[in-house]
Amino acid sequence: MSGKINALKNVAQSKTWASFLNHNHPYSLLHWSIGGINHEDKDVWLLQDEVTFEAQEFENLDAAMVWITENMDGITDVLG
């Protein structure tokens, strides 16, 4: 993994979320869990496009990082 990918993973792990730019397009990677009386338990990582708010779910952070590595080749800024 490249330096930016490692930085993204480390920030996401430590804070349960991270924002980043891929070709100057903003995204967020965040951990999402829901539980309660009227909610189905859910424990996933979301990759969200911050312009369209479309989100993709991954069962764990490693699966999200594999997808990001294979599909996003222009990550610049990583914010946490």
C-alpha atoms as a PDB file:
ATOM      1  CA  MET A   1       0.000   0.000   0.000  1.00  0.00           C
ATOM      2  CA  SER A   2       1.167   3.488  -0.746  1.00  0.00           C
ATOM      3  CA  GLY A   3       1.839   6.119   1.884  1.00  0.00           C
ATOM      4  CA  LYS A   4      -1.511   7.862   1.400  1.00  0.00           C
ATOM      5  CA  ILE A   5      -3.399   4.563   1.621  1.00  0.00           C
ATOM      6  CA  ASN A   6      -1.563   3.699   4.842  1.00  0.00           C
ATOM      7  CA  ALA A   7      -2.299   7.156   6.249  1.00  0.00           C
ATOM      8  CA  LEU A   8      -5.977   6.770   5.348  1.00  0.00           C
ATOM      9  CA  LYS A   9      -6.205   3.376   7.036  1.00  0.00           C
ATOM     10  CA  ASN A  10      -4.379   4.562  10.170  1.00  0.00           C
ATOM     11  CA  VAL A  11      -6.577   7.645  10.591  1.00  0.00           C
ATOM     12  CA  ALA A  12      -9.764   5.640   9.969  1.00  0.00           C
ATOM     13  CA  GLN A  13      -8.693   3.005  12.501  1.00  0.00           C
ATOM     14  CA  SER A  14      -7.811   5.461  15.229  1.00  0.00           C
ATOM     15  CA  LYS A  15     -10.761   7.851  14.821  1.00  0.00           C
ATOM     16  CA  THR A  16     -13.356   5.540  13.146  1.00  0.00           C
ATOM     17  CA  TRP A  17     -13.544   7.985  10.233  1.00  0.00           C
ATOM     18  CA  ALA A  18     -11.373   9.831   7.747  1.00  0.00           C
ATOM     19  CA  SER A  19     -11.984  12.220   4.882  1.00  0.00           C
ATOM     20  CA  PHE A  20      -9.819  12.318   1.784  1.00  0.00           C
ATOM     21  CA  LEU A  21      -9.548  13.620  -1.749  1.00  0.00           C
ATOM     22  CA  ASN A  22      -9.285  11.380  -4.795  1.00  0.00           C
ATOM     23  CA  HIS A  23      -8.582  13.435  -7.937  1.00  0.00           C
ATOM     24  CA  ASN A  24      -9.824  16.507  -5.983  1.00  0.00           C
ATOM     25  CA  HIS A  25     -13.162  14.780  -5.261  1.00  0.00           C
ATOM     26  CA  PRO A  26     -14.078  14.506  -1.542  1.00  0.00           C
ATOM     27  CA  TYR A  27     -14.861  11.180   0.137  1.00  0.00           C
ATOM     28  CA  SER A  28     -15.315   9.960   3.688  1.00  0.00           C
ATOM     29  CA  LEU A  29     -14.532   6.539   5.077  1.00  0.00           C
ATOM     30  CA  LEU A  30     -16.362   5.884   8.314  1.00  0.00           C
ATOM     31  CA  HIS A  31     -17.358   3.142  10.675  1.00  0.00           C
ATOM     32  CA  TRP A  32     -21.118   2.786  11.097  1.00  0.00           C
ATOM     33  CA  SER A  33     -22.890   0.675  13.659  1.00  0.00           C
ATOM     34  CA  ILE A  34     -26.563   0.722  14.579  1.00  0.00           C
ATOM     35  CA  GLY A  35     -28.463  -1.144  17.209  1.00  0.00           C
ATOM     36  CA  GLY A  36     -31.604  -0.738  19.259  1.00  0.00           C
ATOM     37  CA  ILE A  37     -35.193  -1.841  19.533  1.00  0.00           C
ATOM     38  CA  ASN A  38     -36.298  -0.920  16.007  1.00  0.00           C
ATOM     39  CA  HIS A  39     -32.959  -1.221  14.260  1.00  0.00           C
ATOM     40  CA  GLU A  40     -31.142  -4.175  12.823  1.00  0.00           C
ATOM     41  CA  ASP A  41     -27.630  -4.512  14.196  1.00  0.00           C
ATOM     42  CA  LYS A  42     -25.134  -3.318  11.630  1.00  0.00           C
ATOM     43  CA  ASP A  43     -21.367  -3.069  11.858  1.00  0.00           C
ATOM     44  CA  VAL A  44     -19.885  -1.875   8.561  1.00  0.00           C
ATOM     45  CA  TRP A  45     -17.482   0.607   7.042  1.00  0.00           C
ATOM     46  CA  LEU A  46     -18.931   3.110   4.585  1.00  0.00           C
ATOM     47  CA  LEU A  47     -17.164   4.841   1.739  1.00  0.00           C
ATOM     48  CA  GLN A  48     -19.230   7.942   1.023  1.00  0.00           C
ATOM     49  CA  ASP A  49     -18.980  10.332  -1.902  1.00  0.00           C
ATOM     50  CA  GLU A  50     -19.343  13.747  -0.263  1.00  0.00           C
ATOM     51  CA  VAL A  51     -20.830  15.363  -3.382  1.00  0.00           C
ATOM     52  CA  THR A  52     -23.551  12.843  -4.277  1.00  0.00           C
ATOM     53  CA  PHE A  53     -23.791  11.208  -0.812  1.00  0.00           C
ATOM     54  CA  GLU A  54     -23.741   7.791  -2.464  1.00  0.00           C
ATOM     55  CA  ALA A  55     -22.266   5.213  -0.111  1.00  0.00           C
ATOM     56  CA  GLN A  56     -20.783   1.773  -0.492  1.00  0.00           C
ATOM     57  CA  GLU A  57     -20.680  -0.688   2.427  1.00  0.00           C
ATOM     58  CA  PHE A  58     -17.782  -2.953   3.349  1.00  0.00           C
ATOM     59  CA  GLU A  59     -17.851  -5.649   6.020  1.00  0.00           C
ATOM     60  CA  ASN A  60     -14.556  -4.467   7.512  1.00  0.00           C
ATOM     61  CA  LEU A  61     -11.853  -1.835   7.125  1.00  0.00           C
ATOM     62  CA  ASP A  62      -9.501  -4.195   5.278  1.00  0.00           C
ATOM     63  CA  ALA A  63     -12.124  -4.901   2.594  1.00  0.00           C
ATOM     64  CA  ALA A  64     -12.667  -1.159   2.168  1.00  0.00           C
ATOM     65  CA  MET A  65      -8.928  -0.564   1.852  1.00  0.00           C
ATOM     66  CA  VAL A  66      -8.579  -3.267  -0.815  1.00  0.00           C
ATOM     67  CA  TRP A  67     -11.385  -1.662  -2.849  1.00  0.00           C
ATOM     68  CA  ILE A  68      -9.909   1.836  -2.439  1.00  0.00           C
ATOM     69  CA  THR A  69      -6.439   0.593  -3.456  1.00  0.00           C
ATOM     70  CA  GLU A  70      -7.836  -1.072  -6.591  1.00  0.00           C
ATOM     71  CA  ASN A  71     -10.182   1.757  -7.626  1.00  0.00           C
ATOM     72  CA  MET A  72      -8.767   5.076  -6.443  1.00  0.00           C
ATOM     73  CA  ASP A  73      -5.400   6.075  -7.809  1.00  0.00           C
ATOM     74  CA  GLY A  74      -5.363   9.795  -7.081  1.00  0.00           C
ATOM     75  CA  ILE A  75      -5.574  10.131  -3.301  1.00  0.00           C
ATOM     76  CA  THR A  76      -3.919  13.314  -2.119  1.00  0.00           C
ATOM     77  CA  ASP A  77      -5.090  14.849   1.152  1.00  0.00           C
ATOM     78  CA  VAL A  78      -6.111  12.661   4.095  1.00  0.00           C
ATOM     79  CA  LEU A  79      -7.911  14.413   6.946  1.00  0.00           C
ATOM     80  CA  GLY A  80      -8.917  12.986  10.291  1.00  0.00           C
END
